[in-house]
Amino acid sequence: MTDQTESRLGSRRERKPRYGRQERQREHGRQHTCLVIHGFAGGVHDVSPIAEFLSSRGCTVKCSSLPGHTGVNADLAEAGYRDWLESVERDLESLMADDREDLARPRLVTIVGFSMGSLLAANLAVRHPVDALVLLNTPIYCGNAKRAALNVIRDVKTRNLSNIRRYSRRLVHHPPARALFNFRALLQKTKPLFSKVTCPVFIGQSHEGRHSAA
């Protein structure tokens, strides 16, 4: 073994242990800040597993609590989509203000939206310079009466009542008509904005969403 080979092996042995993700963030002086937005007729509890995971990875996390989303239908009916937009915008501006005050540790700002929260997140990404967007179960269609009717007819013919049971559960917890109108209005307002999002986007979609399929 030559002195040169021994020197190379020695340098390998002396290397420091590999840094974890949190340590690498600190080393580069950039911390991740995440705004997490829940969905229609839901609450912070719906996205708390996401928030807890991000927090465990060293991210600064804030969960938005949308106006009217108290679990009481009367409260949900009193809030409109503009109220929801203004609420999440205030939360994002608050996070960004913290970043401006802490110039020594600039942050990467990511918005995570779940269900209707994805629509709100897309609106924010168009209005503000965020670094990344995560869209989970983004609603593109808000129900389909014709498809629902065909599903019920098929259940009756096949004696498989899975769709009928599903629709019955929805009726028991059905949101107020005014809230649904605002949900649809937000959906129509947001669709043209997706093409204007310029930051990196991760999209995750399940086969069925509570407010996005018949």
N, C-alpha and C. Protein backbone atom coordinates (compact mmCIF):
# COMPACT_ATOMS: atom_id res chain seq x y z
N MET A 1 0.85 -1.20 0.00
CA MET A 1 0.00 0.00 0.00
C MET A 1 0.88 1.25 0.00
N THR A 2 0.65 2.13 -0.96
CA THR A 2 1.47 3.32 -1.08
C THR A 2 1.05 4.37 -0.07
N ASP A 3 1.96 5.33 0.15
CA ASP A 3 1.64 6.44 1.06
C ASP A 3 0.44 7.23 0.56
N GLN A 4 0.31 7.32 -0.80
CA GLN A 4 -0.81 8.08 -1.36
C GLN A 4 -2.13 7.40 -1.06
N THR A 5 -2.14 6.03 -1.20
CA THR A 5 -3.37 5.27 -0.91
C THR A 5 -3.73 5.39 0.56
N GLU A 6 -2.73 5.27 1.44
CA GLU A 6 -2.99 5.40 2.87
C GLU A 6 -3.55 6.78 3.20
N SER A 7 -3.03 7.78 2.51
CA SER A 7 -3.51 9.14 2.75
C SER A 7 -4.97 9.27 2.39
N ARG A 8 -5.37 8.65 1.23
CA ARG A 8 -6.77 8.72 0.81
C ARG A 8 -7.67 8.00 1.79
N LEU A 9 -7.27 6.80 2.23
CA LEU A 9 -8.07 6.04 3.17
C LEU A 9 -8.19 6.78 4.49
N GLY A 10 -7.10 7.39 4.92
CA GLY A 10 -7.13 8.12 6.17
C GLY A 10 -8.09 9.28 6.11
N SER A 11 -8.11 9.98 4.97
CA SER A 11 -9.01 11.12 4.84
C SER A 11 -10.46 10.67 4.88
N ARG A 12 -10.74 9.46 4.33
CA ARG A 12 -12.11 8.94 4.36
C ARG A 12 -12.54 8.63 5.80
N ARG A 13 -11.60 8.05 6.56
CA ARG A 13 -11.95 7.70 7.94
C ARG A 13 -12.23 8.94 8.78
N GLU A 14 -11.57 10.04 8.43
CA GLU A 14 -11.69 11.26 9.23
C GLU A 14 -12.90 12.11 8.86
N ARG A 15 -13.63 11.69 7.80
CA ARG A 15 -14.78 12.48 7.41
C ARG A 15 -15.84 12.49 8.51
N LYS A 16 -16.54 13.60 8.59
CA LYS A 16 -17.60 13.73 9.59
C LYS A 16 -18.81 12.87 9.19
N PRO A 17 -19.62 12.45 10.15
CA PRO A 17 -20.83 11.70 9.81
C PRO A 17 -21.74 12.52 8.89
N ARG A 18 -22.50 11.80 8.05
CA ARG A 18 -23.41 12.46 7.13
C ARG A 18 -24.46 13.25 7.89
N TYR A 19 -24.68 14.47 7.46
CA TYR A 19 -25.68 15.32 8.11
C TYR A 19 -27.08 14.85 7.74
N GLY A 20 -28.01 15.01 8.69
CA GLY A 20 -29.41 14.78 8.41
C GLY A 20 -29.99 15.97 7.67
N ARG A 21 -31.26 15.85 7.28
CA ARG A 21 -31.89 16.91 6.50
C ARG A 21 -31.95 18.22 7.28
N GLN A 22 -32.28 18.13 8.56
CA GLN A 22 -32.39 19.35 9.36
C GLN A 22 -31.04 20.05 9.50
N GLU A 23 -29.97 19.26 9.68
CA GLU A 23 -28.65 19.85 9.81
C GLU A 23 -28.21 20.51 8.50
N ARG A 24 -28.56 19.89 7.36
CA ARG A 24 -28.18 20.48 6.07
C ARG A 24 -28.88 21.82 5.87
N GLN A 25 -30.15 21.91 6.31
CA GLN A 25 -30.87 23.18 6.19
C GLN A 25 -30.15 24.26 6.99
N ARG A 26 -29.76 23.92 8.23
CA ARG A 26 -29.09 24.91 9.07
C ARG A 26 -27.74 25.30 8.46
N GLU A 27 -27.02 24.30 7.89
CA GLU A 27 -25.70 24.57 7.36
C GLU A 27 -25.78 25.59 6.22
N HIS A 28 -26.81 25.49 5.40
CA HIS A 28 -26.95 26.42 4.28
C HIS A 28 -27.68 27.70 4.68
N GLY A 29 -28.07 27.80 5.93
CA GLY A 29 -28.70 29.02 6.41
C GLY A 29 -30.12 29.21 5.94
N ARG A 30 -30.79 28.13 5.47
CA ARG A 30 -32.15 28.27 4.98
C ARG A 30 -33.05 27.30 5.73
N GLN A 31 -34.07 27.84 6.34
CA GLN A 31 -35.05 27.03 7.04
C GLN A 31 -36.34 26.99 6.23
N HIS A 32 -37.04 25.88 6.30
CA HIS A 32 -38.30 25.74 5.58
C HIS A 32 -39.45 26.26 6.45
N THR A 33 -40.26 27.10 5.85
CA THR A 33 -41.48 27.58 6.49
C THR A 33 -42.67 27.09 5.66
N CYS A 34 -43.63 26.47 6.32
CA CYS A 34 -44.76 25.88 5.60
C CYS A 34 -46.09 26.42 6.14
N LEU A 35 -46.92 26.86 5.22
CA LEU A 35 -48.30 27.21 5.55
C LEU A 35 -49.17 26.06 5.07
N VAL A 36 -49.94 25.49 5.97
CA VAL A 36 -50.78 24.33 5.65
C VAL A 36 -52.25 24.74 5.75
N ILE A 37 -53.02 24.47 4.69
CA ILE A 37 -54.41 24.94 4.61
C ILE A 37 -55.35 23.74 4.48
N HIS A 38 -56.31 23.65 5.37
CA HIS A 38 -57.27 22.53 5.34
C HIS A 38 -58.35 22.75 4.28
N GLY A 39 -59.26 21.79 4.19
CA GLY A 39 -60.25 21.80 3.12
C GLY A 39 -61.62 22.29 3.53
N PHE A 40 -62.55 22.20 2.59
CA PHE A 40 -63.91 22.69 2.76
C PHE A 40 -64.65 21.87 3.81
N ALA A 41 -65.31 22.58 4.73
CA ALA A 41 -66.11 21.97 5.80
C ALA A 41 -65.25 21.10 6.72
N GLY A 42 -63.94 21.32 6.70
CA GLY A 42 -63.04 20.56 7.56
C GLY A 42 -62.46 21.44 8.64
N GLY A 43 -61.26 21.13 9.04
CA GLY A 43 -60.60 21.91 10.09
C GLY A 43 -59.13 21.57 10.16
N VAL A 44 -58.44 22.22 11.08
CA VAL A 44 -57.00 22.00 11.24
C VAL A 44 -56.71 20.54 11.56
N HIS A 45 -57.65 19.86 12.23
CA HIS A 45 -57.43 18.46 12.59
C HIS A 45 -57.21 17.59 11.36
N ASP A 46 -57.77 18.01 10.20
CA ASP A 46 -57.61 17.21 8.97
C ASP A 46 -56.17 17.22 8.46
N VAL A 47 -55.44 18.28 8.72
CA VAL A 47 -54.07 18.41 8.20
C VAL A 47 -53.02 18.32 9.29
N SER A 48 -53.44 18.06 10.53
CA SER A 48 -52.47 18.00 11.64
C SER A 48 -51.41 16.92 11.44
N PRO A 49 -51.73 15.75 10.84
CA PRO A 49 -50.64 14.77 10.61
C PRO A 49 -49.56 15.31 9.67
N ILE A 50 -49.97 16.08 8.66
CA ILE A 50 -48.99 16.68 7.75
C ILE A 50 -48.15 17.70 8.50
N ALA A 51 -48.82 18.55 9.28
CA ALA A 51 -48.11 19.59 10.04
C ALA A 51 -47.13 18.98 11.03
N GLU A 52 -47.55 17.92 11.71
CA GLU A 52 -46.68 17.28 12.69
C GLU A 52 -45.45 16.65 12.02
N PHE A 53 -45.66 16.05 10.85
CA PHE A 53 -44.54 15.46 10.13
C PHE A 53 -43.54 16.53 9.70
N LEU A 54 -44.05 17.63 9.13
CA LEU A 54 -43.16 18.70 8.68
C LEU A 54 -42.39 19.31 9.86
N SER A 55 -43.11 19.47 10.97
CA SER A 55 -42.47 20.03 12.16
C SER A 55 -41.36 19.11 12.68
N SER A 56 -41.60 17.79 12.60
CA SER A 56 -40.59 16.84 13.07
C SER A 56 -39.34 16.87 12.20
N ARG A 57 -39.47 17.39 10.97
CA ARG A 57 -38.33 17.51 10.07
C ARG A 57 -37.65 18.87 10.17
N GLY A 58 -38.02 19.65 11.15
CA GLY A 58 -37.34 20.91 11.38
C GLY A 58 -37.97 22.11 10.69
N CYS A 59 -39.16 21.94 10.10
CA CYS A 59 -39.82 23.05 9.43
C CYS A 59 -40.62 23.89 10.43
N THR A 60 -40.70 25.17 10.15
CA THR A 60 -41.62 26.04 10.89
C THR A 60 -42.98 25.93 10.20
N VAL A 61 -44.00 25.55 10.95
CA VAL A 61 -45.30 25.24 10.34
C VAL A 61 -46.40 26.09 10.97
N LYS A 62 -47.27 26.61 10.10
CA LYS A 62 -48.47 27.31 10.56
C LYS A 62 -49.66 26.72 9.83
N CYS A 63 -50.69 26.34 10.57
CA CYS A 63 -51.92 25.82 9.97
C CYS A 63 -52.99 26.91 9.97
N SER A 64 -53.53 27.19 8.80
CA SER A 64 -54.61 28.17 8.72
C SER A 64 -55.92 27.55 9.20
N SER A 65 -56.69 28.34 9.92
CA SER A 65 -58.03 27.93 10.33
C SER A 65 -59.02 28.83 9.61
N LEU A 66 -59.73 28.29 8.64
CA LEU A 66 -60.58 29.09 7.76
C LEU A 66 -61.81 29.62 8.49
N PRO A 67 -62.22 30.85 8.22
CA PRO A 67 -63.42 31.42 8.85
C PRO A 67 -64.65 30.55 8.59
N GLY A 68 -65.46 30.39 9.62
CA GLY A 68 -66.69 29.63 9.50
C GLY A 68 -66.54 28.14 9.68
N HIS A 69 -65.31 27.65 9.70
CA HIS A 69 -65.08 26.21 9.79
C HIS A 69 -64.94 25.80 11.26
N THR A 70 -66.06 25.84 11.94
CA THR A 70 -66.10 25.52 13.36
C THR A 70 -66.74 24.16 13.63
N GLY A 71 -67.24 23.52 12.57
CA GLY A 71 -68.00 22.29 12.74
C GLY A 71 -69.49 22.53 12.85
N VAL A 72 -69.89 23.81 12.84
CA VAL A 72 -71.31 24.17 12.93
C VAL A 72 -71.74 24.73 11.57
N ASN A 73 -72.77 24.15 10.97
CA ASN A 73 -73.20 24.56 9.63
C ASN A 73 -73.61 26.03 9.56
N ALA A 74 -74.21 26.53 10.63
CA ALA A 74 -74.64 27.93 10.63
C ALA A 74 -73.43 28.87 10.49
N ASP A 75 -72.32 28.50 11.12
CA ASP A 75 -71.10 29.31 11.01
C ASP A 75 -70.52 29.23 9.61
N LEU A 76 -70.56 28.04 9.02
CA LEU A 76 -70.03 27.84 7.67
C LEU A 76 -70.80 28.67 6.65
N ALA A 77 -72.09 28.81 6.87
CA ALA A 77 -72.93 29.57 5.94
C ALA A 77 -72.64 31.07 6.00
N GLU A 78 -72.07 31.53 7.11
CA GLU A 78 -71.83 32.96 7.28
C GLU A 78 -70.54 33.45 6.62
N ALA A 79 -69.65 32.52 6.24
CA ALA A 79 -68.37 32.91 5.66
C ALA A 79 -68.38 32.66 4.16
N GLY A 80 -67.75 33.55 3.40
CA GLY A 80 -67.67 33.41 1.96
C GLY A 80 -66.24 33.11 1.51
N TYR A 81 -66.09 32.82 0.23
CA TYR A 81 -64.76 32.44 -0.25
C TYR A 81 -63.76 33.60 -0.16
N ARG A 82 -64.26 34.82 -0.22
CA ARG A 82 -63.36 35.97 -0.06
C ARG A 82 -62.81 36.03 1.37
N ASP A 83 -63.65 35.65 2.33
CA ASP A 83 -63.18 35.57 3.73
C ASP A 83 -62.08 34.53 3.87
N TRP A 84 -62.25 33.40 3.19
CA TRP A 84 -61.23 32.34 3.26
C TRP A 84 -59.92 32.81 2.64
N LEU A 85 -60.02 33.48 1.49
CA LEU A 85 -58.82 33.98 0.82
C LEU A 85 -58.09 35.02 1.68
N GLU A 86 -58.86 35.94 2.24
CA GLU A 86 -58.24 36.98 3.07
C GLU A 86 -57.57 36.37 4.30
N SER A 87 -58.16 35.34 4.86
CA SER A 87 -57.61 34.71 6.06
C SER A 87 -56.27 34.05 5.77
N VAL A 88 -56.19 33.26 4.69
CA VAL A 88 -54.93 32.57 4.40
C VAL A 88 -53.87 33.57 3.92
N GLU A 89 -54.31 34.65 3.29
CA GLU A 89 -53.34 35.66 2.86
C GLU A 89 -52.71 36.35 4.06
N ARG A 90 -53.52 36.61 5.09
CA ARG A 90 -52.97 37.20 6.31
C ARG A 90 -51.96 36.25 6.96
N ASP A 91 -52.29 34.97 6.96
CA ASP A 91 -51.36 33.99 7.55
C ASP A 91 -50.04 33.95 6.79
N LEU A 92 -50.12 33.97 5.45
CA LEU A 92 -48.90 33.94 4.66
C LEU A 92 -48.08 35.21 4.84
N GLU A 93 -48.75 36.34 4.85
CA GLU A 93 -48.03 37.61 5.03
C GLU A 93 -47.37 37.66 6.40
N SER A 94 -47.99 37.07 7.40
CA SER A 94 -47.40 37.01 8.74
C SER A 94 -46.11 36.19 8.72
N LEU A 95 -46.14 35.05 8.03
CA LEU A 95 -44.93 34.22 7.92
C LEU A 95 -43.83 34.95 7.17
N MET A 96 -44.19 35.62 6.10
CA MET A 96 -43.20 36.33 5.30
C MET A 96 -42.63 37.53 6.06
N ALA A 97 -43.45 38.16 6.90
CA ALA A 97 -42.96 39.27 7.72
C ALA A 97 -41.92 38.78 8.71
N ASP A 98 -42.13 37.59 9.27
CA ASP A 98 -41.13 37.01 10.17
C ASP A 98 -39.82 36.78 9.44
N ASP A 99 -39.91 36.35 8.17
CA ASP A 99 -38.70 36.13 7.38
C ASP A 99 -37.94 37.43 7.15
N ARG A 100 -38.66 38.50 6.87
CA ARG A 100 -38.00 39.78 6.60
C ARG A 100 -37.30 40.31 7.85
N GLU A 101 -37.85 40.01 9.02
CA GLU A 101 -37.24 40.46 10.27
C GLU A 101 -35.99 39.64 10.60
N ASP A 102 -35.97 38.38 10.14
CA ASP A 102 -34.84 37.51 10.44
C ASP A 102 -33.98 37.36 9.19
N LEU A 103 -33.30 38.43 8.80
CA LEU A 103 -32.54 38.44 7.56
C LEU A 103 -31.34 37.49 7.61
N ALA A 104 -30.88 37.18 8.80
CA ALA A 104 -29.71 36.29 8.92
C ALA A 104 -30.06 34.85 8.57
N ARG A 105 -31.36 34.51 8.62
CA ARG A 105 -31.77 33.13 8.34
C ARG A 105 -32.94 33.14 7.36
N PRO A 106 -32.67 33.41 6.08
CA PRO A 106 -33.76 33.42 5.10
C PRO A 106 -34.39 32.04 5.00
N ARG A 107 -35.66 32.01 4.61
CA ARG A 107 -36.39 30.75 4.61
C ARG A 107 -36.98 30.44 3.24
N LEU A 108 -37.21 29.17 3.02
CA LEU A 108 -37.94 28.71 1.85
C LEU A 108 -39.40 28.57 2.25
N VAL A 109 -40.29 29.25 1.56
CA VAL A 109 -41.71 29.25 1.92
C VAL A 109 -42.48 28.31 1.01
N THR A 110 -43.12 27.33 1.62
CA THR A 110 -43.94 26.36 0.88
C THR A 110 -45.37 26.42 1.40
N ILE A 111 -46.33 26.37 0.48
CA ILE A 111 -47.73 26.31 0.87
C ILE A 111 -48.26 24.92 0.56
N VAL A 112 -48.88 24.30 1.55
CA VAL A 112 -49.47 22.97 1.40
C VAL A 112 -50.98 23.11 1.50
N GLY A 113 -51.68 22.71 0.45
CA GLY A 113 -53.14 22.80 0.45
C GLY A 113 -53.77 21.43 0.35
N PHE A 114 -54.79 21.20 1.16
CA PHE A 114 -55.53 19.94 1.11
C PHE A 114 -56.96 20.22 0.65
N SER A 115 -57.41 19.52 -0.39
CA SER A 115 -58.76 19.69 -0.92
C SER A 115 -58.99 21.16 -1.30
N MET A 116 -60.02 21.80 -0.77
CA MET A 116 -60.24 23.20 -1.12
C MET A 116 -59.06 24.08 -0.72
N GLY A 117 -58.30 23.64 0.27
CA GLY A 117 -57.10 24.38 0.64
C GLY A 117 -56.11 24.50 -0.50
N SER A 118 -56.14 23.54 -1.45
CA SER A 118 -55.28 23.62 -2.62
C SER A 118 -55.68 24.78 -3.52
N LEU A 119 -56.98 25.05 -3.62
CA LEU A 119 -57.46 26.18 -4.41
C LEU A 119 -56.97 27.49 -3.80
N LEU A 120 -57.07 27.58 -2.49
CA LEU A 120 -56.59 28.78 -1.80
C LEU A 120 -55.08 28.92 -1.95
N ALA A 121 -54.37 27.79 -1.87
CA ALA A 121 -52.91 27.82 -2.00
C ALA A 121 -52.50 28.31 -3.39
N ALA A 122 -53.21 27.88 -4.42
CA ALA A 122 -52.89 28.32 -5.79
C ALA A 122 -53.10 29.82 -5.94
N ASN A 123 -54.15 30.35 -5.33
CA ASN A 123 -54.38 31.80 -5.36
C ASN A 123 -53.22 32.54 -4.72
N LEU A 124 -52.73 32.03 -3.59
CA LEU A 124 -51.62 32.69 -2.90
C LEU A 124 -50.34 32.63 -3.73
N ALA A 125 -50.11 31.50 -4.39
CA ALA A 125 -48.89 31.33 -5.17
C ALA A 125 -48.83 32.29 -6.35
N VAL A 126 -50.00 32.68 -6.86
CA VAL A 126 -50.04 33.63 -7.97
C VAL A 126 -49.80 35.05 -7.47
N ARG A 127 -50.24 35.32 -6.25
CA ARG A 127 -50.14 36.68 -5.70
C ARG A 127 -48.82 36.96 -4.98
N HIS A 128 -48.16 35.92 -4.48
CA HIS A 128 -46.98 36.11 -3.64
C HIS A 128 -45.82 35.25 -4.13
N PRO A 129 -44.58 35.69 -3.86
CA PRO A 129 -43.40 34.94 -4.30
C PRO A 129 -43.07 33.78 -3.37
N VAL A 130 -43.80 32.69 -3.48
CA VAL A 130 -43.52 31.51 -2.66
C VAL A 130 -42.55 30.60 -3.43
N ASP A 131 -41.90 29.70 -2.68
CA ASP A 131 -40.86 28.86 -3.28
C ASP A 131 -41.38 27.53 -3.81
N ALA A 132 -42.47 27.05 -3.24
CA ALA A 132 -43.00 25.76 -3.70
C ALA A 132 -44.47 25.63 -3.27
N LEU A 133 -45.15 24.73 -3.97
CA LEU A 133 -46.58 24.52 -3.74
C LEU A 133 -46.83 23.02 -3.69
N VAL A 134 -47.60 22.58 -2.69
CA VAL A 134 -48.00 21.18 -2.58
C VAL A 134 -49.52 21.12 -2.60
N LEU A 135 -50.08 20.46 -3.61
CA LEU A 135 -51.53 20.40 -3.78
C LEU A 135 -52.00 18.97 -3.60
N LEU A 136 -52.83 18.74 -2.59
CA LEU A 136 -53.30 17.40 -2.26
C LEU A 136 -54.81 17.32 -2.45
N ASN A 137 -55.25 16.38 -3.27
CA ASN A 137 -56.69 16.17 -3.54
C ASN A 137 -57.38 17.48 -3.97
N THR A 138 -56.79 18.13 -4.94
CA THR A 138 -57.36 19.39 -5.43
C THR A 138 -58.67 19.12 -6.16
N PRO A 139 -59.76 19.78 -5.77
CA PRO A 139 -61.03 19.59 -6.48
C PRO A 139 -61.00 20.29 -7.84
N ILE A 140 -61.39 19.58 -8.87
CA ILE A 140 -61.49 20.16 -10.21
C ILE A 140 -62.94 20.21 -10.65
N TYR A 141 -63.71 19.22 -10.23
CA TYR A 141 -65.15 19.20 -10.50
C TYR A 141 -65.88 19.10 -9.16
N CYS A 142 -66.94 19.84 -9.02
CA CYS A 142 -67.69 19.83 -7.76
C CYS A 142 -68.97 19.04 -7.94
N GLY A 143 -68.86 17.73 -7.81
CA GLY A 143 -70.04 16.90 -7.94
C GLY A 143 -70.53 16.80 -9.37
N ASN A 144 -71.40 15.85 -9.63
CA ASN A 144 -71.94 15.65 -10.97
C ASN A 144 -73.28 14.95 -10.80
N ALA A 145 -74.37 15.72 -10.92
CA ALA A 145 -75.71 15.19 -10.65
C ALA A 145 -76.05 14.03 -11.58
N LYS A 146 -75.68 14.15 -12.85
CA LYS A 146 -75.99 13.09 -13.82
C LYS A 146 -75.26 11.80 -13.45
N ARG A 147 -73.98 11.93 -13.10
CA ARG A 147 -73.22 10.75 -12.71
C ARG A 147 -73.77 10.13 -11.45
N ALA A 148 -74.17 10.96 -10.48
CA ALA A 148 -74.74 10.45 -9.24
C ALA A 148 -76.01 9.65 -9.52
N ALA A 149 -76.88 10.18 -10.41
CA ALA A 149 -78.12 9.48 -10.76
C ALA A 149 -77.83 8.14 -11.41
N LEU A 150 -76.85 8.10 -12.32
CA LEU A 150 -76.47 6.84 -12.97
C LEU A 150 -75.92 5.84 -11.95
N ASN A 151 -75.17 6.34 -10.98
CA ASN A 151 -74.64 5.46 -9.94
C ASN A 151 -75.75 4.83 -9.11
N VAL A 152 -76.77 5.63 -8.78
CA VAL A 152 -77.90 5.11 -8.00
C VAL A 152 -78.65 4.06 -8.80
N ILE A 153 -78.89 4.34 -10.08
CA ILE A 153 -79.60 3.37 -10.95
C ILE A 153 -78.82 2.07 -11.04
N ARG A 154 -77.50 2.19 -11.17
CA ARG A 154 -76.67 0.98 -11.24
C ARG A 154 -76.74 0.20 -9.94
N ASP A 155 -76.74 0.90 -8.80
CA ASP A 155 -76.85 0.22 -7.50
C ASP A 155 -78.15 -0.57 -7.41
N VAL A 156 -79.26 0.03 -7.88
CA VAL A 156 -80.56 -0.63 -7.81
C VAL A 156 -80.57 -1.88 -8.70
N LYS A 157 -79.98 -1.77 -9.88
CA LYS A 157 -79.97 -2.90 -10.82
C LYS A 157 -79.10 -4.05 -10.33
N THR A 158 -77.96 -3.71 -9.73
CA THR A 158 -77.01 -4.73 -9.30
C THR A 158 -77.20 -5.14 -7.84
N ARG A 159 -78.09 -4.42 -7.14
CA ARG A 159 -78.31 -4.65 -5.71
C ARG A 159 -77.04 -4.45 -4.90
N ASN A 160 -76.15 -3.66 -5.44
CA ASN A 160 -74.95 -3.26 -4.71
C ASN A 160 -75.17 -1.81 -4.28
N LEU A 161 -75.42 -1.59 -3.01
CA LEU A 161 -75.87 -0.28 -2.52
C LEU A 161 -74.73 0.61 -2.05
N SER A 162 -73.53 0.38 -2.53
CA SER A 162 -72.37 1.14 -2.04
C SER A 162 -72.51 2.64 -2.32
N ASN A 163 -72.94 3.02 -3.53
CA ASN A 163 -73.09 4.44 -3.85
C ASN A 163 -74.23 5.08 -3.07
N ILE A 164 -75.34 4.35 -2.93
CA ILE A 164 -76.48 4.88 -2.18
C ILE A 164 -76.09 5.13 -0.73
N ARG A 165 -75.35 4.22 -0.14
CA ARG A 165 -74.89 4.41 1.24
C ARG A 165 -73.96 5.63 1.32
N ARG A 166 -73.10 5.77 0.32
CA ARG A 166 -72.16 6.89 0.32
C ARG A 166 -72.90 8.22 0.23
N TYR A 167 -73.90 8.30 -0.65
CA TYR A 167 -74.66 9.54 -0.78
C TYR A 167 -75.50 9.83 0.46
N SER A 168 -75.98 8.78 1.12
CA SER A 168 -76.76 8.96 2.34
C SER A 168 -75.91 9.57 3.44
N ARG A 169 -74.67 9.10 3.55
CA ARG A 169 -73.76 9.66 4.55
C ARG A 169 -73.49 11.13 4.27
N ARG A 170 -73.38 11.49 2.99
CA ARG A 170 -73.13 12.88 2.63
C ARG A 170 -74.32 13.77 3.01
N LEU A 171 -75.53 13.25 2.80
CA LEU A 171 -76.72 14.06 3.10
C LEU A 171 -76.83 14.38 4.58
N VAL A 172 -76.40 13.44 5.42
CA VAL A 172 -76.48 13.66 6.86
C VAL A 172 -75.60 14.83 7.28
N HIS A 173 -74.43 14.94 6.64
CA HIS A 173 -73.46 16.00 7.00
C HIS A 173 -73.35 17.03 5.88
N HIS A 174 -74.42 17.23 5.16
CA HIS A 174 -74.36 18.11 3.99
C HIS A 174 -74.16 19.57 4.40
N PRO A 175 -73.17 20.27 3.79
CA PRO A 175 -72.93 21.67 4.12
C PRO A 175 -74.08 22.55 3.63
N PRO A 176 -74.24 23.74 4.18
CA PRO A 176 -75.31 24.65 3.75
C PRO A 176 -75.15 25.05 2.28
N ALA A 177 -76.28 25.39 1.64
CA ALA A 177 -76.27 25.74 0.23
C ALA A 177 -75.38 26.95 -0.04
N ARG A 178 -75.38 27.94 0.86
CA ARG A 178 -74.57 29.13 0.65
C ARG A 178 -73.08 28.79 0.67
N ALA A 179 -72.70 27.87 1.55
CA ALA A 179 -71.30 27.47 1.62
C ALA A 179 -70.89 26.74 0.35
N LEU A 180 -71.78 25.89 -0.15
CA LEU A 180 -71.48 25.18 -1.40
C LEU A 180 -71.37 26.15 -2.57
N PHE A 181 -72.21 27.19 -2.57
CA PHE A 181 -72.12 28.21 -3.61
C PHE A 181 -70.75 28.88 -3.58
N ASN A 182 -70.26 29.20 -2.39
CA ASN A 182 -68.95 29.85 -2.28
C ASN A 182 -67.82 28.91 -2.67
N PHE A 183 -67.99 27.63 -2.35
CA PHE A 183 -67.00 26.64 -2.77
C PHE A 183 -66.93 26.58 -4.29
N ARG A 184 -68.07 26.52 -4.95
CA ARG A 184 -68.11 26.49 -6.41
C ARG A 184 -67.54 27.78 -7.01
N ALA A 185 -67.85 28.91 -6.38
CA ALA A 185 -67.34 30.19 -6.88
C ALA A 185 -65.81 30.24 -6.80
N LEU A 186 -65.26 29.74 -5.70
CA LEU A 186 -63.81 29.70 -5.55
C LEU A 186 -63.19 28.77 -6.59
N LEU A 187 -63.84 27.65 -6.84
CA LEU A 187 -63.34 26.69 -7.82
C LEU A 187 -63.27 27.32 -9.21
N GLN A 188 -64.35 28.00 -9.61
CA GLN A 188 -64.37 28.63 -10.93
C GLN A 188 -63.36 29.77 -11.03
N LYS A 189 -63.18 30.49 -9.93
CA LYS A 189 -62.22 31.60 -9.92
C LYS A 189 -60.78 31.10 -10.05
N THR A 190 -60.53 29.92 -9.47
CA THR A 190 -59.15 29.44 -9.37
C THR A 190 -58.68 28.68 -10.61
N LYS A 191 -59.57 28.01 -11.29
CA LYS A 191 -59.15 27.19 -12.44
C LYS A 191 -58.26 27.93 -13.43
N PRO A 192 -58.60 29.17 -13.83
CA PRO A 192 -57.73 29.87 -14.78
C PRO A 192 -56.36 30.26 -14.20
N LEU A 193 -56.23 30.22 -12.88
CA LEU A 193 -54.99 30.66 -12.24
C LEU A 193 -53.89 29.61 -12.26
N PHE A 194 -54.27 28.34 -12.43
CA PHE A 194 -53.26 27.29 -12.35
C PHE A 194 -52.16 27.48 -13.39
N SER A 195 -52.53 27.97 -14.56
CA SER A 195 -51.52 28.17 -15.61
C SER A 195 -50.58 29.32 -15.29
N LYS A 196 -50.91 30.13 -14.28
CA LYS A 196 -50.08 31.28 -13.92
C LYS A 196 -49.13 30.99 -12.76
N VAL A 197 -49.22 29.80 -12.19
CA VAL A 197 -48.32 29.42 -11.10
C VAL A 197 -46.94 29.13 -11.68
N THR A 198 -45.91 29.78 -11.16
CA THR A 198 -44.56 29.64 -11.71
C THR A 198 -43.60 28.88 -10.79
N CYS A 199 -43.95 28.68 -9.54
CA CYS A 199 -43.06 27.97 -8.62
C CYS A 199 -43.20 26.46 -8.82
N PRO A 200 -42.25 25.66 -8.34
CA PRO A 200 -42.38 24.20 -8.42
C PRO A 200 -43.63 23.72 -7.69
N VAL A 201 -44.31 22.72 -8.27
CA VAL A 201 -45.57 22.23 -7.72
C VAL A 201 -45.52 20.70 -7.60
N PHE A 202 -45.93 20.19 -6.43
CA PHE A 202 -46.15 18.75 -6.27
C PHE A 202 -47.65 18.52 -6.19
N ILE A 203 -48.17 17.58 -6.97
CA ILE A 203 -49.60 17.29 -6.99
C ILE A 203 -49.83 15.84 -6.56
N GLY A 204 -50.66 15.67 -5.54
CA GLY A 204 -51.05 14.34 -5.10
C GLY A 204 -52.56 14.23 -5.14
N GLN A 205 -53.08 13.16 -5.77
CA GLN A 205 -54.52 13.04 -5.96
C GLN A 205 -54.97 11.61 -5.67
N SER A 206 -56.00 11.46 -4.85
CA SER A 206 -56.57 10.14 -4.60
C SER A 206 -57.66 9.87 -5.64
N HIS A 207 -58.14 8.65 -5.68
CA HIS A 207 -59.15 8.30 -6.68
C HIS A 207 -60.49 8.97 -6.43
N GLU A 208 -60.77 9.28 -5.17
CA GLU A 208 -62.05 9.88 -4.86
C GLU A 208 -61.90 10.93 -3.78
N GLY A 209 -62.48 12.11 -4.02
CA GLY A 209 -62.47 13.18 -3.03
C GLY A 209 -63.88 13.45 -2.54
N ARG A 210 -64.01 13.85 -1.29
CA ARG A 210 -65.34 14.02 -0.70
C ARG A 210 -66.15 15.09 -1.43
N HIS A 211 -65.49 16.14 -1.91
CA HIS A 211 -66.21 17.23 -2.57
C HIS A 211 -65.80 17.41 -4.01
N SER A 212 -65.18 16.39 -4.61
CA SER A 212 -64.71 16.56 -5.98
C SER A 212 -65.15 15.46 -6.92
N ALA A 213 -66.00 14.55 -6.45
CA ALA A 213 -66.47 13.48 -7.33
C ALA A 213 -67.91 13.14 -6.99
N ALA A 214 -68.60 12.54 -7.96
CA ALA A 214 -70.01 12.18 -7.74
C ALA A 214 -70.10 10.90 -6.93
